[in-house]
Amino acid sequence: MITKGVILGRFMPPHEGHVALIRTASYLVDKLTIILSTSDSDPIEPAVRKVWMEELFPESVVIVANNGPRPLPVEHENWARIIRGFHPEKIDRIIGSEDYLVTLARNLDAQHFILDPMWMALPANSIEIRQDPFGHWESIPGPVRPYFQKRLTMVGPESTGKSYMADFLAQRFGGPYVPEYGRPYEKFRTPGKYRAEELHFIVDGHVAHRKTLSMKAGPILFEDTDPLLTAVWAEMLLGHSLPDLEAEIELPDHYLLLDADAPWQDDPLRYFAQQELREKFFDKIKAKLDRFDASYTLVSGDWTQRENQAVAVVEHMLENQGIPPGQGAPD
């Protein structure tokens, strides 16, 4: 006999308590249906939450029950009728963590399983997470983290410390950070002049890394370069812009623009060693940031000064739920 079960909730957002609850539910039934209670007024869109639940629980069926402009309380007497509409097959078990399930299970002629120990082992609260996601970061599952996460991206000419700074900040505040994809691409590419499509390959590789690593990173995602900087590389290498590449730019919450005043360090993968070219590169990056109306802080001086300026930006963002400082060096 195949055992069928249902679990009902708003999951706004789903947290580690929910994950434990639903995984436990999956051990109690052969087929689990997750009913996502939503409304048009929810602070997190129903479609976003449905994607989260499907990513977290790919073996379950996720159904959205939207009540229109106002949410329907989960303990409402109409839920038995609503669930029958979505799940005409006989339901064997109703699973959750609240006492309204006793009545709901009775109305569905099912057995209730109220799993209170899940909340004692992994206490979490969706409202508190929405109000202070940074303060409850460990309770946020990987697929949900990018929704609340803030991106801080390092840009600048070659040999200005982008990789070093991203790694330094990730070690100090929690990582991992997103490494630059251009360097490994450069290492293994066929020698010769760059083609436009290669810059697209670099963007694709970088964005794929970012999407993966963001699910493991902390409240601030530290990123070594991004598609905007790749767009500037296109201008430096090809002599012209790539509008189709620039259309793919998704601005982070804030940039650290590293000045060209850092000492040059030789590297066989680098192109523009002359200070004149480094400054030209810097000017192009700054112009691109301004053109996109990007939020950024200029970081300059010796390495200690650069570290202190970067740390001040991160501390400001952590203290203000990811809101970056205004353009220019932080106070």
Protein backbone atom coordinates (compact mmCIF):
# COMPACT_ATOMS: atom_id res chain seq x y z
CA MET A 1 0.00 0.00 0.00
CA ILE A 2 1.34 3.44 -1.00
CA THR A 3 0.98 5.92 1.84
CA LYS A 4 0.08 9.50 0.86
CA GLY A 5 0.62 12.54 3.05
CA VAL A 6 0.11 16.29 3.03
CA ILE A 7 1.91 19.11 4.79
CA LEU A 8 0.49 22.65 4.81
CA GLY A 9 2.27 25.96 5.42
CA ARG A 10 3.15 29.42 4.19
CA PHE A 11 6.94 28.89 4.18
CA MET A 12 7.68 32.61 3.95
CA PRO A 13 10.56 31.88 3.80
CA PRO A 14 11.22 28.20 4.41
CA HIS A 15 13.87 27.80 7.11
CA GLU A 16 15.90 24.94 8.55
CA GLY A 17 13.07 24.07 10.94
CA HIS A 18 10.78 23.63 7.93
CA VAL A 19 13.44 21.57 6.17
CA ALA A 20 13.73 19.21 9.13
CA LEU A 21 9.95 19.01 9.44
CA ILE A 22 9.38 18.15 5.77
CA ARG A 23 12.25 15.69 5.62
CA THR A 24 10.78 13.93 8.63
CA ALA A 25 7.40 13.94 6.90
CA SER A 26 8.98 12.27 3.88
CA TYR A 27 9.98 9.33 6.09
CA LEU A 28 6.37 8.92 7.22
CA VAL A 29 4.81 8.60 3.75
CA ASP A 30 5.60 7.24 0.31
CA LYS A 31 4.24 10.29 -1.51
CA LEU A 32 4.28 13.75 0.05
CA THR A 33 2.36 16.78 -1.22
CA ILE A 34 3.35 20.22 0.06
CA ILE A 35 0.46 22.72 0.05
CA LEU A 36 1.84 26.27 -0.12
CA SER A 37 -0.69 28.70 1.34
CA THR A 38 -0.32 32.08 -0.40
CA SER A 39 -2.04 35.35 -1.19
CA ASP A 40 -1.46 38.28 -3.53
CA SER A 41 -0.44 40.45 -0.55
CA ASP A 42 2.38 38.17 0.68
CA PRO A 43 5.69 39.99 1.25
CA ILE A 44 7.49 37.20 -0.64
CA GLU A 45 5.91 36.26 -3.96
CA PRO A 46 4.25 32.83 -4.16
CA ALA A 47 6.16 31.93 -7.33
CA VAL A 48 9.47 32.55 -5.56
CA ARG A 49 8.52 30.34 -2.64
CA LYS A 50 7.29 27.57 -4.95
CA VAL A 51 10.70 27.47 -6.65
CA TRP A 52 12.41 27.28 -3.25
CA MET A 53 10.23 24.37 -2.13
CA GLU A 54 10.77 22.49 -5.38
CA GLU A 55 14.54 22.96 -5.12
CA LEU A 56 14.59 21.86 -1.48
CA PHE A 57 12.22 18.91 -1.93
CA PRO A 58 12.42 17.63 -5.51
CA GLU A 59 10.79 14.31 -4.60
CA SER A 60 7.63 16.02 -3.31
CA VAL A 61 4.75 17.62 -5.19
CA VAL A 62 4.41 21.35 -4.46
CA ILE A 63 0.97 22.91 -4.95
CA VAL A 64 0.19 26.63 -4.56
CA ALA A 65 -3.13 27.46 -2.94
CA ASN A 66 -3.63 31.19 -3.51
CA ASN A 67 -6.50 32.83 -1.67
CA GLY A 68 -6.39 36.08 -3.65
CA PRO A 69 -5.92 39.43 -1.88
CA ARG A 70 -5.88 38.11 1.68
CA PRO A 71 -4.19 35.04 3.21
CA LEU A 72 -6.35 32.22 4.52
CA PRO A 73 -5.24 31.18 8.03
CA VAL A 74 -3.87 27.66 8.04
CA GLU A 75 -6.28 26.70 10.80
CA HIS A 76 -9.31 27.79 8.71
CA GLU A 77 -12.12 25.24 8.42
CA ASN A 78 -12.14 25.51 4.60
CA TRP A 79 -8.72 23.90 4.24
CA ALA A 80 -10.18 20.38 4.21
CA ARG A 81 -12.31 21.30 1.17
CA ILE A 82 -9.41 23.11 -0.51
CA ILE A 83 -7.02 20.20 -0.01
CA ARG A 84 -9.57 17.72 -1.37
CA GLY A 85 -9.77 19.89 -4.49
CA PHE A 86 -6.02 19.70 -5.00
CA HIS A 87 -5.64 16.13 -3.79
CA PRO A 88 -8.71 14.06 -4.70
CA GLU A 89 -6.89 10.82 -3.79
CA LYS A 90 -7.31 9.46 -0.26
CA ILE A 91 -4.90 11.18 2.14
CA ASP A 92 -3.49 8.89 4.81
CA ARG A 93 -1.47 11.30 6.94
CA ILE A 94 -1.51 15.02 7.72
CA ILE A 95 1.85 16.19 9.01
CA GLY A 96 2.95 19.42 10.66
CA SER A 97 3.78 21.02 13.97
CA GLU A 98 0.59 22.74 15.16
CA ASP A 99 -2.53 21.54 16.90
CA TYR A 100 -4.99 22.67 14.20
CA LEU A 101 -3.88 19.55 12.33
CA VAL A 102 -5.95 17.36 14.66
CA THR A 103 -9.20 18.87 13.35
CA LEU A 104 -7.93 19.02 9.76
CA ALA A 105 -6.92 15.37 9.84
CA ARG A 106 -10.30 14.41 11.25
CA ASN A 107 -12.09 16.28 8.44
CA LEU A 108 -9.94 14.49 5.87
CA ASP A 109 -10.32 11.10 7.56
CA ALA A 110 -6.52 10.94 7.97
CA GLN A 111 -4.06 10.34 10.79
CA HIS A 112 -2.30 13.41 12.19
CA PHE A 113 1.42 13.58 13.02
CA ILE A 114 2.32 16.67 15.05
CA LEU A 115 6.10 16.91 15.08
CA ASP A 116 6.81 19.39 17.88
CA PRO A 117 10.34 18.04 18.53
CA MET A 118 11.45 19.53 15.20
CA TRP A 119 10.85 23.02 16.53
CA MET A 120 12.65 22.28 19.79
CA ALA A 121 15.68 20.93 17.93
CA LEU A 122 15.77 23.62 15.23
CA PRO A 123 13.85 26.68 16.46
CA ALA A 124 13.25 29.27 13.76
CA ASN A 125 10.61 31.80 12.80
CA SER A 126 9.85 33.09 9.31
CA ILE A 127 8.73 36.51 10.51
CA GLU A 128 11.95 37.03 12.46
CA ILE A 129 13.99 35.92 9.46
CA ARG A 130 12.24 38.44 7.22
CA GLN A 131 12.83 41.19 9.77
CA ASP A 132 16.49 40.31 10.43
CA PRO A 133 17.82 37.81 7.88
CA PHE A 134 21.46 38.52 8.70
CA GLY A 135 20.83 37.78 12.37
CA HIS A 136 19.25 34.41 11.55
CA TRP A 137 21.51 33.41 8.67
CA GLU A 138 22.20 29.87 9.89
CA SER A 139 18.46 29.18 9.78
CA ILE A 140 18.20 30.05 6.08
CA PRO A 141 18.61 27.10 3.66
CA GLY A 142 20.99 27.39 0.72
CA PRO A 143 18.45 27.95 -2.10
CA VAL A 144 16.80 30.74 -0.07
CA ARG A 145 20.01 32.62 0.82
CA PRO A 146 20.47 34.54 -2.47
CA TYR A 147 17.08 36.20 -1.93
CA PHE A 148 18.31 37.92 1.25
CA GLN A 149 22.01 38.05 0.40
CA LYS A 150 23.88 41.19 -0.65
CA ARG A 151 26.64 41.17 -3.25
CA LEU A 152 29.87 43.12 -2.79
CA THR A 153 32.00 42.97 -5.95
CA MET A 154 35.67 43.84 -6.41
CA VAL A 155 36.56 45.65 -9.64
CA GLY A 156 39.69 47.42 -10.81
CA PRO A 157 42.58 47.14 -13.26
CA GLU A 158 45.03 44.27 -13.12
CA SER A 159 47.25 43.85 -10.06
CA THR A 160 45.13 46.01 -7.76
CA GLY A 161 44.28 43.24 -5.28
CA LYS A 162 40.80 42.12 -6.36
CA SER A 163 41.38 38.43 -5.69
CA TYR A 164 43.30 39.15 -2.52
CA MET A 165 40.58 41.46 -1.22
CA ALA A 166 37.73 39.05 -1.98
CA ASP A 167 39.58 36.25 -0.19
CA PHE A 168 40.56 38.51 2.71
CA LEU A 169 36.98 39.65 3.27
CA ALA A 170 35.57 36.13 2.93
CA GLN A 171 38.02 34.83 5.53
CA ARG A 172 37.22 37.66 7.91
CA PHE A 173 33.44 37.77 7.51
CA GLY A 174 32.56 34.33 6.12
CA GLY A 175 32.80 32.83 2.67
CA PRO A 176 33.22 31.30 0.25
CA TYR A 177 33.85 34.09 -2.21
CA VAL A 178 33.23 33.99 -5.97
CA PRO A 179 36.58 33.74 -7.80
CA GLU A 180 37.31 35.38 -11.13
CA TYR A 181 36.57 33.01 -14.01
CA GLY A 182 38.66 34.99 -16.51
CA ARG A 183 41.97 33.73 -15.11
CA PRO A 184 41.34 29.99 -15.54
CA TYR A 185 39.78 30.72 -18.92
CA GLU A 186 42.89 32.67 -19.97
CA LYS A 187 45.15 29.88 -18.75
CA PHE A 188 43.57 27.22 -20.97
CA ARG A 189 42.38 29.18 -24.01
CA THR A 190 43.93 28.85 -27.47
CA PRO A 191 46.52 31.65 -27.85
CA GLY A 192 45.71 34.54 -30.14
CA LYS A 193 43.54 37.62 -30.28
CA TYR A 194 40.38 37.50 -28.22
CA ARG A 195 37.06 36.97 -29.97
CA ALA A 196 33.84 38.54 -28.72
CA GLU A 197 32.29 35.16 -27.97
CA GLU A 198 35.11 34.41 -25.53
CA LEU A 199 34.05 37.30 -23.32
CA HIS A 200 30.59 35.75 -23.24
CA PHE A 201 32.11 32.43 -22.20
CA ILE A 202 33.82 34.22 -19.31
CA VAL A 203 30.55 35.85 -18.22
CA ASP A 204 28.71 32.52 -18.40
CA GLY A 205 31.37 30.79 -16.31
CA HIS A 206 31.44 33.55 -13.72
CA VAL A 207 27.66 33.74 -13.29
CA ALA A 208 27.42 29.94 -12.98
CA HIS A 209 30.05 30.00 -10.21
CA ARG A 210 28.22 32.83 -8.46
CA LYS A 211 24.86 31.06 -8.48
CA THR A 212 26.40 27.94 -6.97
CA LEU A 213 28.58 29.60 -4.34
CA SER A 214 25.91 32.08 -3.23
CA MET A 215 23.99 29.19 -1.65
CA LYS A 216 26.96 28.46 0.64
CA ALA A 217 28.09 32.01 1.36
CA GLY A 218 27.27 34.38 4.20
CA PRO A 219 24.98 37.43 4.26
CA ILE A 220 27.50 39.33 2.11
CA LEU A 221 28.62 37.53 -1.04
CA PHE A 222 32.14 38.65 -1.94
CA GLU A 223 32.79 38.55 -5.67
CA ASP A 224 36.07 38.91 -7.58
CA THR A 225 35.05 40.80 -10.75
CA ASP A 226 31.72 40.47 -12.58
CA PRO A 227 30.19 40.92 -16.06
CA LEU A 228 30.50 44.70 -15.82
CA LEU A 229 34.27 44.38 -15.50
CA THR A 230 34.27 41.83 -18.32
CA ALA A 231 32.49 44.44 -20.45
CA VAL A 232 35.39 46.82 -19.79
CA TRP A 233 37.85 44.06 -20.66
CA ALA A 234 36.04 43.78 -24.00
CA GLU A 235 36.76 47.44 -24.68
CA MET A 236 40.41 47.04 -23.71
CA LEU A 237 40.97 43.84 -25.71
CA LEU A 238 38.70 44.35 -28.72
CA GLY A 239 38.70 48.12 -28.96
CA HIS A 240 34.91 48.39 -28.82
CA SER A 241 32.01 47.62 -26.48
CA LEU A 242 29.74 44.58 -26.58
CA PRO A 243 26.14 45.78 -26.06
CA ASP A 244 24.77 42.23 -25.97
CA LEU A 245 27.18 41.37 -23.16
CA GLU A 246 26.33 44.54 -21.27
CA ALA A 247 22.65 43.57 -21.46
CA GLU A 248 23.53 40.62 -19.20
CA ILE A 249 24.92 42.79 -16.39
CA GLU A 250 23.13 42.36 -13.05
CA LEU A 251 24.50 45.01 -10.74
CA PRO A 252 25.54 43.91 -7.25
CA ASP A 253 24.44 45.87 -4.22
CA HIS A 254 27.81 47.61 -4.04
CA TYR A 255 31.23 47.65 -5.69
CA LEU A 256 34.68 48.17 -4.28
CA LEU A 257 36.58 50.02 -7.02
CA LEU A 258 40.27 49.34 -6.45
CA ASP A 259 42.49 52.21 -7.55
CA ALA A 260 45.38 51.78 -9.97
CA ASP A 261 47.88 53.08 -7.41
CA ALA A 262 48.81 49.58 -6.17
CA PRO A 263 52.30 48.36 -7.11
CA TRP A 264 52.45 46.16 -10.23
CA GLN A 265 53.17 42.47 -9.76
CA ASP A 266 54.30 40.49 -12.80
CA ASP A 267 52.08 37.63 -13.90
CA PRO A 268 52.15 35.81 -17.26
CA LEU A 269 48.34 36.05 -17.46
CA ARG A 270 48.30 39.86 -17.25
CA TYR A 271 48.14 42.25 -20.19
CA PHE A 272 48.47 45.92 -19.23
CA ALA A 273 51.58 46.50 -17.15
CA GLN A 274 52.26 50.12 -18.14
CA GLN A 275 50.90 52.56 -15.58
CA GLU A 276 49.37 54.64 -18.35
CA LEU A 277 47.33 51.64 -19.50
CA ARG A 278 46.36 50.74 -15.93
CA GLU A 279 45.01 54.24 -15.42
CA LYS A 280 43.16 54.08 -18.75
CA PHE A 281 41.64 50.78 -17.60
CA PHE A 282 40.65 52.34 -14.27
CA ASP A 283 39.02 55.33 -15.99
CA LYS A 284 37.00 53.01 -18.22
CA ILE A 285 35.80 50.99 -15.20
CA LYS A 286 34.76 54.13 -13.35
CA ALA A 287 32.97 55.46 -16.43
CA LYS A 288 31.11 52.16 -16.79
CA LEU A 289 30.07 52.21 -13.13
CA ASP A 290 28.82 55.76 -13.50
CA ARG A 291 26.99 54.96 -16.72
CA PHE A 292 25.13 52.12 -15.00
CA ASP A 293 24.53 54.32 -11.93
CA ALA A 294 26.21 51.65 -9.81
CA SER A 295 26.84 52.06 -6.09
CA TYR A 296 30.57 51.92 -5.33
CA THR A 297 33.33 52.91 -2.94
CA LEU A 298 36.79 53.90 -4.15
CA VAL A 299 39.52 51.92 -2.35
CA SER A 300 43.07 53.26 -2.59
CA GLY A 301 46.37 53.61 -0.74
CA ASP A 302 48.66 50.92 0.61
CA TRP A 303 47.43 47.42 1.40
CA THR A 304 46.61 48.19 5.02
CA GLN A 305 44.62 51.24 4.02
CA ARG A 306 42.77 49.24 1.39
CA GLU A 307 41.91 46.51 3.88
CA ASN A 308 40.64 49.05 6.41
CA GLN A 309 38.48 50.81 3.82
CA ALA A 310 37.01 47.51 2.62
CA VAL A 311 36.34 46.26 6.16
CA ALA A 312 34.52 49.51 6.97
CA VAL A 313 32.22 49.00 3.98
CA VAL A 314 31.38 45.42 5.00
CA GLU A 315 30.78 46.37 8.62
CA HIS A 316 28.44 49.14 7.48
CA MET A 317 26.50 46.68 5.31
CA LEU A 318 26.25 44.09 8.08
CA GLU A 319 25.06 46.67 10.59
CA ASN A 320 22.46 48.02 8.15
CA GLN A 321 21.01 44.79 6.70
CA GLY A 322 23.05 45.11 3.53
CA ILE A 323 22.46 48.78 2.79
CA PRO A 324 25.76 50.01 1.31
CA PRO A 325 27.42 53.31 2.14
CA GLY A 326 27.06 56.19 -0.27
CA GLN A 327 29.38 56.57 -3.22
CA GLY A 328 32.94 57.31 -2.11
CA ALA A 329 34.96 56.19 0.89
CA PRO A 330 32.93 55.36 4.01
CA ASP A 331 33.05 57.67 7.00
